Protein backbone atom coordinates (compact mmCIF):
# COMPACT_ATOMS: atom_id res chain seq x y z
CA UNK A 1 -32.60 36.94 16.63
CA UNK A 2 -30.86 33.55 16.51
CA UNK A 3 -29.25 34.21 19.90
CA UNK A 4 -32.65 35.06 21.45
CA UNK A 5 -34.12 31.80 20.11
CA UNK A 6 -31.16 29.81 21.45
CA UNK A 7 -31.66 31.28 24.93
CA UNK A 8 -35.39 30.49 24.78
CA UNK A 9 -34.54 26.87 23.96
CA UNK A 10 -32.15 26.70 26.93
CA UNK A 11 -34.75 28.24 29.22
CA UNK A 12 -37.40 25.78 28.09
CA UNK A 13 -34.97 22.84 28.49
CA UNK A 14 -34.09 23.95 32.04
CA UNK A 15 -37.67 23.08 33.08
CA UNK A 16 -37.54 19.53 31.71
CA UNK A 17 -35.23 16.53 31.50
CA UNK A 18 -35.66 16.34 27.72
CA UNK A 19 -37.82 17.82 25.02
CA UNK A 20 -38.72 16.91 21.43
CA UNK A 21 -37.98 19.75 19.01
CA UNK A 22 -41.40 19.24 17.38
CA UNK A 23 -43.11 19.76 20.74
CA UNK A 24 -40.83 22.72 21.40
CA UNK A 25 -41.72 24.32 18.04
CA UNK A 26 -45.45 24.06 18.85
CA UNK A 27 -44.96 25.35 22.40
CA UNK A 28 -43.14 28.55 21.45
CA UNK A 29 -44.87 28.89 18.04
CA UNK A 30 -41.70 28.87 15.95
CA UNK A 31 -41.07 27.05 12.67
CA UNK A 32 -39.41 23.69 13.31
CA UNK A 33 -36.55 24.35 10.85
CA UNK A 34 -35.62 27.51 12.75
CA UNK A 35 -35.54 25.44 15.96
CA UNK A 36 -33.17 22.96 14.29
CA UNK A 37 -30.93 25.79 13.12
CA UNK A 38 -30.72 27.23 16.63
CA UNK A 39 -29.95 23.77 18.07
CA UNK A 40 -27.07 23.34 15.58
CA UNK A 41 -25.74 26.71 16.68
CA UNK A 42 -25.90 25.65 20.34
CA UNK A 43 -24.06 22.43 19.53
CA UNK A 44 -21.18 24.41 18.02
CA UNK A 45 -20.59 26.26 21.30
CA UNK A 46 -19.61 23.16 23.30
CA UNK A 47 -21.48 20.72 25.56
CA UNK A 48 -24.46 22.90 26.46
CA UNK A 49 -26.90 20.32 25.11
CA UNK A 50 -26.91 16.79 23.76
CA UNK A 51 -29.20 15.51 21.04
CA UNK A 52 -30.63 12.25 19.78
CA UNK A 53 -32.18 11.74 16.35
CA UNK A 54 -35.89 10.86 16.43
CA UNK A 55 -37.77 9.46 13.45
CA UNK A 56 -41.50 8.82 13.27
CA UNK A 57 -43.92 8.11 10.49
CA UNK A 58 -47.50 9.18 10.12
CA UNK A 59 -50.27 8.82 7.59
CA UNK A 60 -51.95 11.70 5.88
CA UNK A 61 -54.34 12.23 3.00
CA UNK A 62 -53.14 13.37 -0.39
CA UNK A 63 -55.00 16.17 -2.20
CA UNK A 64 -56.84 13.53 -4.19
CA UNK A 65 -57.69 11.70 -0.96
CA UNK A 66 -59.13 14.88 0.55
CA UNK A 67 -61.30 15.28 -2.56
CA UNK A 68 -62.58 11.69 -2.20
CA UNK A 69 -63.35 12.25 1.49
CA UNK A 70 -65.46 15.25 0.55
CA UNK A 71 -67.09 14.15 -2.73
CA UNK A 72 -67.01 10.36 -2.69
CA UNK A 73 -64.80 7.71 -4.29
CA UNK A 74 -64.21 7.52 -8.02
CA UNK A 75 -66.19 4.28 -8.28
CA UNK A 76 -69.12 5.69 -6.29
CA UNK A 77 -69.25 8.75 -8.55
CA UNK A 78 -69.37 6.43 -11.59
CA UNK A 79 -72.17 4.33 -10.03
CA UNK A 80 -74.23 7.40 -9.12
CA UNK A 81 -73.86 8.81 -12.63
CA UNK A 82 -75.50 5.74 -14.22
CA UNK A 83 -79.29 6.04 -14.62
CA UNK A 84 -81.55 3.02 -14.12
CA UNK A 85 -81.94 2.50 -17.88
CA UNK A 86 -78.15 2.58 -18.39
CA UNK A 87 -75.83 4.90 -20.29
CA UNK A 88 -73.24 4.72 -23.05
CA UNK A 89 -69.76 3.94 -21.79
CA UNK A 90 -68.31 6.62 -24.10
CA UNK A 91 -70.47 9.27 -22.39
CA UNK A 92 -69.34 8.12 -18.94
CA UNK A 93 -65.65 8.14 -19.91
CA UNK A 94 -65.86 11.64 -21.42
CA UNK A 95 -67.93 13.40 -18.75
CA UNK A 96 -66.80 11.98 -15.39
CA UNK A 97 -63.39 12.97 -13.93
CA UNK A 98 -61.06 10.02 -13.22
CA UNK A 99 -63.54 7.82 -15.08
CA UNK A 100 -60.98 5.18 -16.03
CA UNK A 101 -60.05 4.43 -12.40
CA UNK A 102 -63.64 4.70 -11.18
CA UNK A 103 -64.99 2.43 -13.93
CA UNK A 104 -62.35 -0.24 -13.21
CA UNK A 105 -63.01 -0.16 -9.43
CA UNK A 106 -66.79 -0.22 -9.89
CA UNK A 107 -66.51 -3.24 -12.21
CA UNK A 108 -64.22 -5.14 -9.79
CA UNK A 109 -66.62 -4.35 -6.92
CA UNK A 110 -69.51 -5.86 -8.91
CA UNK A 111 -71.51 -2.62 -8.90
CA UNK A 112 -71.95 -2.23 -12.66
CA UNK A 113 -72.08 -4.31 -15.80
CA UNK A 114 -71.67 -3.68 -19.53
CA UNK A 115 -73.42 -5.02 -22.59
CA UNK A 116 -73.34 -4.46 -26.35
CA UNK A 117 -76.37 -2.85 -28.00
CA UNK A 118 -76.29 -2.08 -31.73
CA UNK A 119 -72.55 -1.58 -31.68
CA UNK A 120 -72.58 0.61 -28.55
CA UNK A 121 -71.32 -0.38 -25.12
CA UNK A 122 -74.03 0.27 -22.51
CA UNK A 123 -73.22 0.50 -18.80
CA UNK A 124 -75.97 -0.41 -16.31
CA UNK A 125 -76.22 -0.76 -12.56
CA UNK A 126 -75.81 -4.32 -11.30
CA UNK A 127 -76.96 -3.58 -7.72
CA UNK A 128 -79.63 -1.28 -6.39
CA UNK A 129 -77.48 0.63 -3.91
CA UNK A 130 -73.91 0.80 -2.62
CA UNK A 131 -71.99 1.78 0.48
CA UNK A 132 -68.98 3.97 -0.25
CA UNK A 133 -66.50 2.36 2.14
CA UNK A 134 -63.59 4.30 0.60
CA UNK A 135 -65.19 7.65 1.42
CA UNK A 136 -66.03 6.50 4.97
CA UNK A 137 -62.42 5.45 5.55
CA UNK A 138 -61.01 8.68 4.20
CA UNK A 139 -63.41 10.71 6.34
CA UNK A 140 -61.96 8.88 9.35
CA UNK A 141 -58.49 9.72 8.06
CA UNK A 142 -59.44 13.37 7.63
CA UNK A 143 -60.35 13.38 11.33
CA UNK A 144 -56.96 11.79 12.20
CA UNK A 145 -58.58 8.47 13.09
CA UNK A 146 -56.09 6.46 11.06
CA UNK A 147 -56.00 3.76 13.75
CA UNK A 148 -59.56 2.72 12.77
CA UNK A 149 -58.34 1.80 9.26
CA UNK A 150 -56.61 -1.56 8.79
CA UNK A 151 -53.02 -1.66 7.60
CA UNK A 152 -54.07 -3.56 4.48
CA UNK A 153 -56.54 -0.82 3.54
CA UNK A 154 -53.94 1.86 4.21
CA UNK A 155 -51.57 0.16 1.79
CA UNK A 156 -54.38 -0.12 -0.76
CA UNK A 157 -55.15 3.59 -0.48
CA UNK A 158 -51.43 4.33 -0.72
CA UNK A 159 -51.30 2.45 -4.06
CA UNK A 160 -54.26 4.53 -5.22
CA UNK A 161 -52.39 7.67 -4.10
CA UNK A 162 -55.21 8.64 -1.76
CA UNK A 163 -53.00 8.36 1.35
CA UNK A 164 -49.27 8.67 1.93
CA UNK A 165 -46.77 7.84 4.65
CA UNK A 166 -44.75 10.83 5.84
CA UNK A 167 -41.42 10.48 7.66
CA UNK A 168 -40.92 13.15 10.32
CA UNK A 169 -37.46 13.74 11.75
CA UNK A 170 -36.81 15.67 14.93
CA UNK A 171 -34.28 15.89 17.76
CA UNK A 172 -34.60 14.98 21.42
CA UNK A 173 -32.79 17.63 23.48
CA UNK A 174 -31.13 16.97 26.85
CA UNK A 175 -28.90 19.04 29.10
CA UNK A 176 -25.19 18.70 28.44
CA UNK A 177 -22.42 18.63 31.04
CA UNK A 178 -21.81 22.37 30.55
CA UNK A 179 -25.48 23.30 30.47
CA UNK A 180 -26.20 26.96 31.30
CA UNK A 181 -28.97 29.45 30.60
CA UNK A 182 -26.63 31.95 28.97
CA UNK A 183 -24.32 31.53 26.01
CA UNK A 184 -20.69 32.57 26.20
CA UNK A 185 -19.76 33.08 22.58
CA UNK A 186 -16.35 31.46 22.01
CA UNK A 187 -13.56 33.38 20.39
CA UNK A 188 -12.78 32.49 16.81
CA UNK A 189 -9.39 34.17 16.51
CA UNK A 190 -6.28 34.37 18.69
CA UNK A 191 -5.10 37.98 18.48
CA UNK A 192 -1.74 39.57 19.29
CA UNK A 193 -3.39 41.62 22.05
CA UNK A 194 -4.70 38.47 23.80
CA UNK A 195 -1.22 37.00 23.82
CA UNK A 196 0.43 40.17 25.18
CA UNK A 197 -2.01 40.74 28.08
CA UNK A 198 -2.58 37.04 28.84
CA UNK A 199 -6.33 37.33 28.23
CA UNK A 200 -6.24 34.18 26.07
CA UNK A 201 -5.90 32.10 29.25
CA UNK A 202 -9.41 33.06 30.34
CA UNK A 203 -11.00 32.88 26.89
CA UNK A 204 -12.86 29.96 25.41
CA UNK A 205 -12.02 29.34 21.78
CA UNK A 206 -14.21 27.77 19.16
CA UNK A 207 -12.58 24.54 17.94
CA UNK A 208 -11.43 24.44 14.35
CA UNK A 209 -13.38 22.10 12.11
CA UNK A 210 -10.56 20.70 10.03
CA UNK A 211 -13.00 18.44 8.16
CA UNK A 212 -15.12 21.34 6.91
CA UNK A 213 -15.22 21.81 3.17
CA UNK A 214 -13.81 25.00 1.72
CA UNK A 215 -15.58 27.27 -0.67
CA UNK A 216 -16.40 25.32 -3.84
CA UNK A 217 -14.29 26.41 -6.81
CA UNK A 218 -15.96 27.92 -9.82
CA UNK A 219 -16.95 25.52 -12.55
CA UNK A 220 -14.02 24.56 -14.74
CA UNK A 221 -13.90 25.53 -18.40
CA UNK A 222 -12.61 23.65 -21.40
CA UNK A 223 -9.48 25.15 -22.93
CA UNK A 224 -9.91 26.27 -26.57
CA UNK A 225 -7.43 23.57 -27.61
CA UNK A 226 -9.68 20.89 -26.13
CA UNK A 227 -12.73 22.36 -27.84
CA UNK A 228 -11.05 22.33 -31.24
CA UNK A 229 -9.56 18.88 -30.61
CA UNK A 230 -13.05 17.47 -30.02
CA UNK A 231 -14.22 19.00 -33.28
CA UNK A 232 -11.25 17.47 -35.15
CA UNK A 233 -12.04 14.06 -33.67
CA UNK A 234 -15.68 14.34 -34.73
CA UNK A 235 -14.60 15.22 -38.29
CA UNK A 236 -12.21 12.26 -38.50
CA UNK A 237 -14.82 9.87 -37.13
CA UNK A 238 -17.41 11.33 -39.51
CA UNK A 239 -15.04 10.59 -42.40
CA UNK A 240 -14.68 6.95 -41.30
CA UNK A 241 -11.26 7.08 -39.59
CA UNK A 242 -10.20 4.90 -36.64
CA UNK A 243 -8.27 6.49 -33.74
CA UNK A 244 -4.76 5.17 -33.05
CA UNK A 245 -3.43 4.56 -29.50
CA UNK A 246 -0.94 7.34 -28.66
CA UNK A 247 -0.28 6.84 -24.95
CA UNK A 248 3.53 6.48 -25.23
CA UNK A 249 5.25 9.86 -25.14
CA UNK A 250 8.68 8.17 -24.88
CA UNK A 251 9.65 6.46 -28.11
CA UNK A 252 12.78 4.76 -29.45
CA UNK A 253 14.80 6.37 -32.23
CA UNK A 254 14.11 3.26 -34.30
CA UNK A 255 10.34 3.83 -34.52
CA UNK A 256 10.62 7.62 -34.45
CA UNK A 257 13.27 7.88 -37.20
CA UNK A 258 14.75 4.65 -38.66
CA UNK A 259 11.44 2.95 -39.45
CA UNK A 260 10.49 6.12 -41.35
CA UNK A 261 13.60 5.88 -43.58
CA UNK A 262 15.11 8.93 -41.90
CA UNK A 263 18.95 8.63 -41.99
CA UNK A 264 20.91 8.59 -38.77
CA UNK A 265 22.91 11.66 -39.88
CA UNK A 266 19.74 13.74 -40.32
CA UNK A 267 19.86 17.10 -38.43
CA UNK A 268 16.49 16.37 -36.77
CA UNK A 269 18.20 13.56 -34.84
CA UNK A 270 20.55 16.00 -33.17
CA UNK A 271 20.11 17.07 -29.52
CA UNK A 272 19.51 20.63 -30.74
CA UNK A 273 16.19 19.48 -32.26
CA UNK A 274 15.18 16.45 -30.17
CA UNK A 275 14.76 15.80 -26.43
CA UNK A 276 16.65 12.57 -25.68
CA UNK A 277 15.81 10.58 -22.52
CA UNK A 278 18.60 9.72 -20.07
CA UNK A 279 16.73 7.10 -18.02
CA UNK A 280 15.97 4.65 -19.52
CA UNK A 281 18.48 5.67 -22.12
CA UNK A 282 18.17 2.72 -24.52
CA UNK A 283 15.46 0.44 -25.90
CA UNK A 284 16.36 -3.08 -27.05
CA UNK A 285 12.97 -4.62 -27.81
CA UNK A 286 12.60 -4.65 -31.62
CA UNK A 287 11.26 -7.14 -34.22
CA UNK A 288 14.64 -8.51 -35.31
CA UNK A 289 13.75 -9.53 -38.88
CA UNK A 290 12.15 -6.13 -39.54
CA UNK A 291 15.12 -4.34 -37.93
CA UNK A 292 17.48 -6.15 -40.33
CA UNK A 293 15.42 -5.10 -43.37
CA UNK A 294 15.42 -1.47 -42.16
CA UNK A 295 19.18 -1.63 -41.61
CA UNK A 296 19.76 -2.99 -45.13
CA UNK A 297 17.54 -0.45 -46.89
CA UNK A 298 19.36 2.37 -45.07
CA UNK A 299 22.90 1.13 -45.68
CA UNK A 300 22.67 -0.88 -48.93
CA UNK A 301 19.32 0.03 -50.46
CA UNK A 302 16.67 -2.27 -51.88
CA UNK A 303 13.18 -2.31 -53.34
CA UNK A 304 14.45 -0.26 -56.28
CA UNK A 305 16.30 2.24 -54.04
CA UNK A 306 20.03 2.71 -53.55
CA UNK A 307 19.54 3.69 -49.90
CA UNK A 308 21.80 6.15 -48.11
CA UNK A 309 25.00 4.13 -48.34
CA UNK A 310 26.25 4.62 -44.77
CA UNK A 311 27.15 2.35 -41.87
CA UNK A 312 23.83 2.02 -39.98
CA UNK A 313 24.33 1.68 -36.21
CA UNK A 314 22.01 -0.15 -33.84
CA UNK A 315 23.28 2.08 -30.99
CA UNK A 316 21.66 5.14 -32.60
CA UNK A 317 18.39 3.31 -33.20
CA UNK A 318 18.19 2.25 -29.54
CA UNK A 319 18.24 5.79 -28.09
CA UNK A 320 15.06 6.78 -26.29
CA UNK A 321 13.52 10.21 -26.85
CA UNK A 322 10.39 12.25 -26.43
CA UNK A 323 8.61 11.55 -29.70
CA UNK A 324 9.02 14.36 -32.22
CA UNK A 325 5.91 13.39 -34.18
CA UNK A 326 3.02 10.93 -33.91
CA UNK A 327 4.19 9.43 -37.23
CA UNK A 328 6.11 7.04 -34.99
CA UNK A 329 2.72 5.68 -33.91
CA UNK A 330 1.70 5.41 -37.58
CA UNK A 331 4.83 3.34 -38.26
CA UNK A 332 3.92 0.89 -35.51
CA UNK A 333 0.33 0.63 -36.79
CA UNK A 334 1.48 0.04 -40.38
CA UNK A 335 3.92 -2.67 -39.28
CA UNK A 336 1.12 -4.39 -37.32
CA UNK A 337 -1.16 -4.10 -40.37
CA UNK A 338 1.49 -5.75 -42.57
CA UNK A 339 1.61 -8.82 -40.34
CA UNK A 340 -1.88 -9.95 -41.38
CA UNK A 341 -3.94 -10.21 -44.56
CA UNK A 342 -4.14 -6.73 -46.05
CA UNK A 343 -7.28 -4.65 -45.91
CA UNK A 344 -7.65 -0.87 -46.50
CA UNK A 345 -7.74 1.28 -43.36
CA UNK A 346 -7.95 4.92 -42.33
CA UNK A 347 -6.20 5.95 -39.10
CA UNK A 348 -5.93 9.19 -37.14
CA UNK A 349 -4.53 10.46 -33.85
CA UNK A 350 -4.38 13.77 -31.95
CA UNK A 351 -1.77 13.99 -29.22
CA UNK A 352 1.29 15.82 -27.93
CA UNK A 353 4.77 15.79 -29.48
CA UNK A 354 8.01 17.42 -28.34
CA UNK A 355 10.72 19.35 -30.18
CA UNK A 356 13.64 21.42 -29.00
CA UNK A 357 12.26 24.58 -30.64
CA UNK A 358 13.02 28.26 -30.04
CA UNK A 359 9.82 29.83 -28.73
CA UNK A 360 8.20 32.52 -30.86
CA UNK A 361 4.70 33.67 -31.85
CA UNK A 362 3.97 30.43 -33.73
CA UNK A 363 6.30 27.80 -32.17
CA UNK A 364 6.35 25.88 -28.87
CA UNK A 365 8.60 23.11 -27.58
CA UNK A 366 5.53 21.01 -26.76
CA UNK A 367 2.53 20.99 -29.05
CA UNK A 368 -0.17 18.79 -30.56
CA UNK A 369 0.04 16.96 -33.86
CA UNK A 370 -3.00 15.79 -35.79
CA UNK A 371 -1.96 12.67 -37.66
CA UNK A 372 -4.01 11.12 -40.45
CA UNK A 373 -3.27 8.39 -42.95
CA UNK A 374 -5.13 6.30 -45.51
CA UNK A 375 -3.84 2.89 -46.57
CA UNK A 376 -5.16 1.44 -49.83
CA UNK A 377 -4.10 0.16 -53.19
CA UNK A 378 -2.99 2.58 -55.95
CA UNK A 379 -3.47 5.86 -54.05
CA UNK A 380 -2.04 9.02 -55.65
CA UNK A 381 -1.09 12.60 -54.75
CA UNK A 382 -4.49 13.69 -56.12
CA UNK A 383 -6.21 11.53 -53.48
CA UNK A 384 -4.14 13.27 -50.80
CA UNK A 385 -4.96 16.80 -52.04
CA UNK A 386 -8.66 15.98 -52.35
CA UNK A 387 -8.75 14.49 -48.85
CA UNK A 388 -7.04 17.55 -47.35
CA UNK A 389 -9.44 19.95 -49.10
CA UNK A 390 -12.42 17.95 -47.83
CA UNK A 391 -10.96 17.79 -44.34
CA UNK A 392 -10.31 21.54 -44.10
CA UNK A 393 -13.66 22.32 -45.72
CA UNK A 394 -15.31 20.61 -42.74
CA UNK A 395 -13.24 22.94 -40.56
CA UNK A 396 -14.64 25.97 -42.38
CA UNK A 397 -11.20 26.74 -43.83
CA UNK A 398 -11.13 27.10 -47.63
CA UNK A 399 -8.03 29.27 -48.20
CA UNK A 400 -5.42 26.53 -48.66
CA UNK A 401 -2.29 26.32 -50.71
CA UNK A 402 0.38 23.62 -51.06
CA UNK A 403 4.14 23.91 -51.48
CA UNK A 404 6.48 21.12 -52.59
CA UNK A 405 8.96 20.11 -49.89
CA UNK A 406 11.31 17.31 -48.91
CA UNK A 407 10.60 14.69 -46.22
CA UNK A 408 12.80 11.62 -45.70
CA UNK A 409 9.80 9.30 -45.54
CA UNK A 410 7.40 10.76 -48.15
CA UNK A 411 7.77 11.31 -51.91
CA UNK A 412 6.15 13.44 -53.22
CA UNK A 413 5.80 15.74 -50.18
CA UNK A 414 3.80 18.93 -49.60
CA UNK A 415 3.63 21.61 -46.91
CA UNK A 416 0.11 22.86 -46.23
CA UNK A 417 -0.47 26.59 -45.75
CA UNK A 418 -3.59 28.42 -44.53
CA UNK A 419 -4.24 32.16 -44.63
CA UNK A 420 -4.41 33.77 -41.14
CA UNK A 421 -6.55 36.90 -41.23
CA UNK A 422 -5.16 38.13 -37.91
CA UNK A 423 -1.52 37.89 -38.94
CA UNK A 424 -2.40 38.92 -42.51
CA UNK A 425 -0.18 36.22 -43.95
CA UNK A 426 -0.03 32.57 -44.96
CA UNK A 427 1.11 30.26 -42.16
CA UNK A 428 2.13 26.63 -42.32
CA UNK A 429 -0.42 24.34 -40.67
CA UNK A 430 0.88 20.92 -41.64
CA UNK A 431 2.98 18.59 -43.72
CA UNK A 432 1.90 15.75 -45.96
CA UNK A 433 2.96 13.27 -48.59
CA UNK A 434 2.92 9.72 -49.92
CA UNK A 435 5.00 7.30 -47.83
CA UNK A 436 8.08 6.02 -49.64
CA UNK A 437 8.43 2.37 -50.71
CA UNK A 438 11.68 2.23 -48.65
CA UNK A 439 9.49 2.74 -45.57
CA UNK A 440 6.51 0.51 -46.46
CA UNK A 441 8.02 -2.51 -48.23
CA UNK A 442 10.40 -3.54 -45.37
CA UNK A 443 7.30 -3.74 -43.17
CA UNK A 444 5.84 -6.40 -45.47
CA UNK A 445 3.03 -4.42 -47.11
CA UNK A 446 2.11 -5.41 -50.72
CA UNK A 447 3.91 -3.48 -53.48
CA UNK A 448 0.70 -1.94 -54.89
CA UNK A 449 -0.35 -0.55 -51.49
CA UNK A 450 0.19 3.18 -51.00
CA UNK A 451 -0.17 5.31 -47.90
CA UNK A 452 -1.12 8.99 -48.05
CA UNK A 453 -0.50 10.78 -44.76
CA UNK A 454 -0.44 14.19 -43.17
CA UNK A 455 0.55 15.77 -39.90
CA UNK A 456 -1.27 18.94 -38.92
CA UNK A 457 -0.97 21.41 -36.09
CA UNK A 458 -3.76 21.74 -33.52
CA UNK A 459 -2.54 25.03 -32.05
CA UNK A 460 -2.49 27.00 -35.30
CA UNK A 461 -6.05 26.18 -36.46
CA UNK A 462 -7.16 27.05 -32.92
CA UNK A 463 -5.44 30.43 -33.23
CA UNK A 464 -7.27 31.00 -36.51
CA UNK A 465 -10.68 29.99 -35.13
CA UNK A 466 -10.33 32.11 -31.97
CA UNK A 467 -8.46 35.07 -33.48
CA UNK A 468 -5.30 34.59 -31.39
CA UNK A 469 -2.14 36.07 -32.92
CA UNK A 470 0.50 34.78 -30.48
CA UNK A 471 0.66 31.11 -29.52
CA UNK A 472 1.95 32.12 -26.07
CA UNK A 473 -1.46 33.71 -25.45
CA UNK A 474 -3.01 30.28 -26.03
CA UNK A 475 -0.62 27.95 -24.17
CA UNK A 476 1.85 28.59 -21.37
CA UNK A 477 2.26 30.20 -17.95
CA UNK A 478 1.14 33.66 -19.08
CA UNK A 479 -2.22 32.59 -20.50
CA UNK A 480 -5.14 34.75 -19.40
CA UNK A 481 -7.51 32.31 -17.66
CA UNK A 482 -10.40 34.69 -18.28
CA UNK A 483 -9.84 34.03 -21.98
CA UNK A 484 -10.36 30.31 -21.32
CA UNK A 485 -13.52 31.11 -19.38
CA UNK A 486 -15.01 33.54 -21.90
CA UNK A 487 -14.35 31.80 -25.22
CA UNK A 488 -17.40 30.01 -26.64
CA UNK A 489 -17.54 26.37 -27.65
CA UNK A 490 -15.99 25.57 -31.02
CA UNK A 491 -18.66 25.26 -33.70
CA UNK A 492 -16.89 24.40 -36.91
CA UNK A 493 -18.90 24.81 -40.11
CA UNK A 494 -19.66 21.46 -41.68
């Protein structure tokens, strides 16, 4: 069908130097869009035809304009509806279509007047008769005599939405240098047979359009981790927390360990547990007075503590690593807070951390940590437990239990466990505690200021919410992408 139309266009063009596609569509009684489609097809075959874009504008009546041409203008209808003795304005406005526009135009034309009579507004005729110029003009327009209407009046009728300007685009067709009445369809593929028999030498091939867009990919889907992360953020913000900047994955051992009162002989600082960075290997930019206080509290003690009693080495503190927890960010924020007049704050962050872990159903070497801390005067362990219960209650998780544990930088310390219905057991979802004075006081915070803090997993609550039993089914190269596509948005009970 398309080929037949293309040949008809070529035949018609052979009889003329050029032709407008609009004229062509009328001549062969074919929809103009089909003509354009056939022309585009001809253009893809080579230089059979050349085209120029044509643009013209014309005026036409709107549906409302056609109604005015037939029945009269809005203002004329208002005038004709008013008896000699007058009529209530309320009656006119309720019974005549488009009365508001008609009344305004009739008033501005000086055709009618209004007066008050016993609290009513009475509309009366101001002139004996009128000439409906608007209807006369639109009747001319209905007969395609737009040239007899001034440009100013056309613009006025356009504002009243009685007429509109229509832009018409078409193509002017001319013969190309390879013009012919028949179409030799070019080959789209070079086959082995063409190469063997030499037929490719006589064939005409369709050029490749290297700028053409490929098939659009299917709409992307948010990973369950991202859905749950957004819900965690909303909960923190709802509870009045401020988000910490966590855009530095590479951290120094000083901020990651030493500032947290974690001794340099601690097993977590071994290469078996931490990914150390080889380039740049060392960091040397530290607040020197604070570094000295940290060194002293580690090696000699202070602030009521005897310290660890070892020879603290700056070389170990300078080593760069992939941060093992976002508590390093908390340490930086607390130090910055201590440098100004104290005020209570609540901070949180959700970002990636890295540990040299053995992979199993609940552990990855790269995972997300949800960090939260509250800084205020005279906080206790009870404040921490109450905050965690409230936080997890907003997650829809009520089966919590706590287990005493040891952390170098918190005392007392608690592990947080949540019951996983899929695994049918309690699993650890976070760690928490009250930051030690040996960590806070060297920063310069007041002695009566306490910090309650917790670090939670993002992956494990996601597994609970989506019923995933193996973390490798959630993150990693073997993840089923259909799972990402099919899982619903995370709606956590609040």
